[in-house]
N, C-alpha and C. Protein backbone atom coordinates (compact mmCIF):
# COMPACT_ATOMS: atom_id res chain seq x y z
N MET A 1 -51.72 50.93 -66.65
CA MET A 1 -50.56 51.54 -66.84
C MET A 1 -49.70 50.56 -67.07
N SER A 2 -48.25 50.71 -68.27
CA SER A 2 -47.52 49.79 -68.82
C SER A 2 -46.26 50.15 -68.08
N SER A 3 -45.16 49.46 -68.68
CA SER A 3 -43.79 48.97 -68.27
C SER A 3 -43.39 50.27 -69.07
N PRO A 4 -43.35 50.92 -69.84
CA PRO A 4 -43.06 52.31 -70.44
C PRO A 4 -43.14 53.71 -69.30
N ASP A 5 -44.17 53.79 -69.15
CA ASP A 5 -44.71 54.59 -68.32
C ASP A 5 -44.24 54.78 -66.93
N ILE A 6 -43.92 53.40 -66.27
CA ILE A 6 -43.09 53.06 -65.40
C ILE A 6 -41.59 54.06 -65.54
N GLN A 7 -41.11 53.29 -66.55
CA GLN A 7 -39.43 53.90 -66.87
C GLN A 7 -39.51 55.34 -67.34
N LYS A 8 -40.43 55.71 -67.76
CA LYS A 8 -40.57 57.29 -67.76
C LYS A 8 -40.47 58.22 -66.50
N PHE A 9 -41.21 57.42 -65.69
CA PHE A 9 -41.62 57.90 -64.23
C PHE A 9 -40.22 58.08 -63.82
N ILE A 10 -39.51 56.73 -63.74
CA ILE A 10 -38.54 56.41 -62.90
C ILE A 10 -37.23 57.77 -63.31
N GLY A 11 -37.21 57.64 -64.97
CA GLY A 11 -36.21 58.83 -65.54
C GLY A 11 -36.38 60.10 -64.56
N SER A 12 -37.98 60.58 -64.53
CA SER A 12 -37.97 61.88 -64.22
C SER A 12 -37.87 61.81 -62.50
N ALA A 13 -38.92 61.04 -61.69
CA ALA A 13 -38.77 61.11 -60.04
C ALA A 13 -37.25 60.86 -59.87
N LYS A 14 -36.68 59.91 -60.17
CA LYS A 14 -35.40 58.98 -59.88
C LYS A 14 -34.44 60.02 -60.39
N VAL A 15 -33.95 60.07 -61.29
CA VAL A 15 -32.71 60.76 -62.04
C VAL A 15 -33.30 62.12 -61.94
N LEU A 16 -34.27 62.71 -62.72
CA LEU A 16 -33.69 64.34 -62.52
C LEU A 16 -34.14 65.06 -61.57
N PHE A 17 -35.09 64.21 -60.86
CA PHE A 17 -35.64 65.09 -59.49
C PHE A 17 -34.91 64.58 -58.22
N SER A 18 -33.83 63.72 -58.44
CA SER A 18 -33.78 63.07 -57.04
C SER A 18 -34.37 62.36 -55.45
N ALA A 19 -35.41 61.90 -56.61
CA ALA A 19 -36.42 61.96 -54.94
C ALA A 19 -36.55 60.78 -54.40
N GLU A 20 -36.79 61.12 -53.43
CA GLU A 20 -35.84 60.27 -51.88
C GLU A 20 -37.83 58.85 -52.09
N VAL A 21 -38.37 59.87 -52.62
CA VAL A 21 -39.92 59.13 -52.54
C VAL A 21 -40.75 59.20 -53.65
N ALA A 22 -40.99 57.76 -54.26
CA ALA A 22 -41.38 58.10 -55.49
C ALA A 22 -42.91 57.10 -55.37
N LEU A 23 -43.99 57.69 -55.56
CA LEU A 23 -45.12 57.71 -55.54
C LEU A 23 -45.91 57.46 -56.75
N PHE A 24 -46.68 56.22 -57.43
CA PHE A 24 -46.90 56.90 -58.91
C PHE A 24 -48.35 56.70 -58.52
N VAL A 25 -49.57 57.23 -58.58
CA VAL A 25 -50.70 57.23 -58.20
C VAL A 25 -51.16 57.14 -60.15
N ALA A 26 -52.16 56.05 -60.38
CA ALA A 26 -52.73 56.08 -61.64
C ALA A 26 -54.11 55.80 -61.16
N THR A 27 -55.02 56.22 -62.46
CA THR A 27 -56.63 55.74 -62.43
C THR A 27 -56.87 54.87 -63.00
N CYS A 28 -55.89 54.00 -63.86
CA CYS A 28 -56.31 52.64 -64.22
C CYS A 28 -55.00 51.92 -63.94
N PRO A 29 -55.83 50.35 -63.91
CA PRO A 29 -54.78 49.06 -63.46
C PRO A 29 -53.55 49.25 -63.86
N PHE A 30 -52.46 48.73 -63.17
CA PHE A 30 -50.86 48.79 -63.77
C PHE A 30 -50.89 47.43 -64.07
N THR A 31 -50.21 47.03 -65.25
CA THR A 31 -49.73 45.39 -65.64
C THR A 31 -48.89 45.24 -64.68
N PRO A 32 -49.09 43.81 -64.71
CA PRO A 32 -47.76 43.09 -63.78
C PRO A 32 -46.55 43.08 -63.94
N ASP A 33 -45.88 43.52 -65.24
CA ASP A 33 -44.51 43.86 -65.60
C ASP A 33 -44.87 45.50 -65.02
N ALA A 34 -45.54 46.32 -64.99
CA ALA A 34 -45.33 47.85 -64.73
C ALA A 34 -45.30 47.23 -62.94
N LEU A 35 -45.83 46.78 -62.56
CA LEU A 35 -45.77 46.49 -61.50
C LEU A 35 -44.26 45.98 -60.78
N SER A 36 -43.99 44.69 -61.23
CA SER A 36 -42.67 44.47 -61.02
C SER A 36 -41.41 45.74 -61.15
N LEU A 37 -41.79 46.56 -62.18
CA LEU A 37 -40.63 47.21 -62.73
C LEU A 37 -40.82 48.52 -61.67
N ALA A 38 -41.59 49.37 -61.44
CA ALA A 38 -41.78 49.76 -60.15
C ALA A 38 -41.31 48.88 -58.82
N ALA A 39 -41.33 47.83 -58.67
CA ALA A 39 -41.18 47.41 -57.26
C ALA A 39 -39.73 47.09 -57.24
N GLU A 40 -38.82 46.63 -58.49
CA GLU A 40 -37.50 46.64 -58.42
C GLU A 40 -36.74 48.12 -58.56
N THR A 41 -37.57 49.10 -58.57
CA THR A 41 -36.62 50.26 -58.54
C THR A 41 -37.28 51.29 -57.01
N GLY A 42 -38.05 50.97 -56.28
CA GLY A 42 -38.39 51.20 -55.03
C GLY A 42 -39.58 52.18 -55.28
N ILE A 43 -40.39 52.70 -56.61
CA ILE A 43 -41.26 52.80 -56.88
C ILE A 43 -42.79 52.19 -55.95
N THR A 44 -43.68 53.02 -55.23
CA THR A 44 -44.76 52.47 -54.83
C THR A 44 -45.81 52.97 -55.64
N ALA A 45 -46.50 51.71 -56.48
CA ALA A 45 -47.78 51.95 -57.50
C ALA A 45 -48.99 51.72 -56.14
N VAL A 46 -49.88 52.94 -56.84
CA VAL A 46 -51.19 53.07 -55.76
C VAL A 46 -52.08 53.02 -57.10
N HIS A 47 -53.12 52.25 -57.30
CA HIS A 47 -54.25 52.36 -58.01
C HIS A 47 -55.16 53.58 -57.34
N ARG A 48 -55.83 54.01 -57.89
CA ARG A 48 -56.75 54.88 -57.61
C ARG A 48 -57.88 54.12 -56.62
N GLY A 49 -58.02 52.97 -56.62
CA GLY A 49 -59.26 52.65 -55.98
C GLY A 49 -58.64 52.69 -54.71
N LEU A 50 -57.45 52.13 -54.29
CA LEU A 50 -57.05 52.01 -52.88
C LEU A 50 -56.92 53.19 -52.35
N LEU A 51 -56.90 54.44 -53.28
CA LEU A 51 -56.96 56.13 -52.54
C LEU A 51 -58.30 56.44 -52.00
N GLU A 52 -59.47 55.58 -52.84
CA GLU A 52 -60.99 55.63 -52.35
C GLU A 52 -61.10 54.88 -51.35
N GLU A 53 -60.67 53.83 -51.09
CA GLU A 53 -61.13 53.06 -50.06
C GLU A 53 -60.22 53.72 -48.92
N TRP A 54 -58.75 53.98 -49.16
CA TRP A 54 -58.63 55.22 -47.85
C TRP A 54 -59.19 55.96 -47.31
N SER A 55 -59.60 56.78 -48.63
CA SER A 55 -60.72 58.18 -47.77
C SER A 55 -61.84 57.92 -47.22
N ALA A 56 -62.00 56.29 -47.67
CA ALA A 56 -63.42 55.78 -46.78
C ALA A 56 -63.19 55.30 -45.41
N GLY A 57 -61.89 55.44 -44.86
CA GLY A 57 -61.45 55.19 -43.56
C GLY A 57 -61.05 53.72 -43.77
N GLU A 58 -60.55 53.08 -44.69
CA GLU A 58 -59.53 51.58 -44.59
C GLU A 58 -58.16 51.98 -44.67
N PRO A 59 -57.19 51.88 -43.76
CA PRO A 59 -55.85 51.72 -44.04
C PRO A 59 -55.15 51.05 -45.47
N LEU A 60 -54.23 52.26 -45.50
CA LEU A 60 -53.38 52.16 -47.22
C LEU A 60 -52.26 51.70 -46.38
N LYS A 61 -52.49 50.18 -46.77
CA LYS A 61 -51.52 49.10 -46.38
C LYS A 61 -50.79 49.11 -47.32
N ILE A 62 -50.44 49.73 -48.93
CA ILE A 62 -49.36 49.60 -49.49
C ILE A 62 -47.80 50.81 -48.87
N LEU A 63 -48.67 51.52 -48.07
CA LEU A 63 -47.50 52.63 -47.57
C LEU A 63 -46.57 52.03 -46.13
N GLU A 64 -47.48 50.99 -45.54
CA GLU A 64 -47.00 50.49 -44.60
C GLU A 64 -45.87 49.92 -44.56
């Protein structure tokens, strides 16, 4: 997932829908720039692998 993808999401979630919580889940890894932009704008980026671990009983630490 690249930075432009996060930028599009910011426009949709934050601006168009006034979301209070924005969670971006992707099946591919996030680039460092995308992760940085997500963090700067209050978006929680979650890779699918983390959800797989969570469904197997691991805590989803990114939401803590």
